Amino acid sequence: MDLEKISHRVAPWVLPILLLAVWCCQARKNRTAI
């Protein structure tokens, strides 16, 4: 399996999920967030 092809295919949806996870953690720390 070509790791570069996999990474290019996976990258577009890894970043939004990562950002969402970070945002959820921040929102959990301070309840002022939505």
C-alpha atoms as a PDB file:
ATOM      1  CA  MET A   1       0.000   0.000   0.000  1.00  0.00           C
ATOM      2  CA  ASP A   2       1.273   3.455  -0.940  1.00  0.00           C
ATOM      3  CA  LEU A   3       1.431   5.585   2.192  1.00  0.00           C
ATOM      4  CA  GLU A   4       1.505   8.870   0.245  1.00  0.00           C
ATOM      5  CA  LYS A   5      -1.697   8.057  -1.648  1.00  0.00           C
ATOM      6  CA  ILE A   6      -3.418   7.054   1.583  1.00  0.00           C
ATOM      7  CA  SER A   7      -2.285  10.209   3.372  1.00  0.00           C
ATOM      8  CA  HIS A   8      -3.481  12.418   0.498  1.00  0.00           C
ATOM      9  CA  ARG A   9      -6.834  10.644   0.495  1.00  0.00           C
ATOM     10  CA  VAL A  10      -7.225  10.834   4.288  1.00  0.00           C
ATOM     11  CA  ALA A  11      -5.874  14.354   4.894  1.00  0.00           C
ATOM     12  CA  PRO A  12      -9.001  16.324   3.764  1.00  0.00           C
ATOM     13  CA  TRP A  13     -11.239  14.831   6.475  1.00  0.00           C
ATOM     14  CA  VAL A  14      -8.647  14.319   9.214  1.00  0.00           C
ATOM     15  CA  LEU A  15      -8.119  18.052   9.713  1.00  0.00           C
ATOM     16  CA  PRO A  16     -11.813  18.993  10.247  1.00  0.00           C
ATOM     17  CA  ILE A  17     -12.277  16.093  12.688  1.00  0.00           C
ATOM     18  CA  LEU A  18      -9.140  17.135  14.564  1.00  0.00           C
ATOM     19  CA  LEU A  19     -10.334  20.747  14.737  1.00  0.00           C
ATOM     20  CA  LEU A  20     -13.759  19.578  15.910  1.00  0.00           C
ATOM     21  CA  ALA A  21     -12.180  17.431  18.634  1.00  0.00           C
ATOM     22  CA  VAL A  22     -10.060  20.361  19.849  1.00  0.00           C
ATOM     23  CA  TRP A  23     -13.110  22.664  19.781  1.00  0.00           C
ATOM     24  CA  CYS A  24     -15.129  20.128  21.792  1.00  0.00           C
ATOM     25  CA  CYS A  25     -12.362  19.941  24.395  1.00  0.00           C
ATOM     26  CA  GLN A  26     -12.251  23.743  24.644  1.00  0.00           C
ATOM     27  CA  ALA A  27     -16.050  23.928  24.897  1.00  0.00           C
ATOM     28  CA  ARG A  28     -15.996  21.322  27.664  1.00  0.00           C
ATOM     29  CA  LYS A  29     -13.384  23.314  29.626  1.00  0.00           C
ATOM     30  CA  ASN A  30     -15.354  26.569  29.496  1.00  0.00           C
ATOM     31  CA  ARG A  31     -19.128  26.149  29.491  1.00  0.00           C
ATOM     32  CA  THR A  32     -19.541  29.622  27.928  1.00  0.00           C
ATOM     33  CA  ALA A  33     -19.058  28.061  24.495  1.00  0.00           C
ATOM     34  CA  ILE A  34     -22.041  26.810  22.508  1.00  0.00           C
END
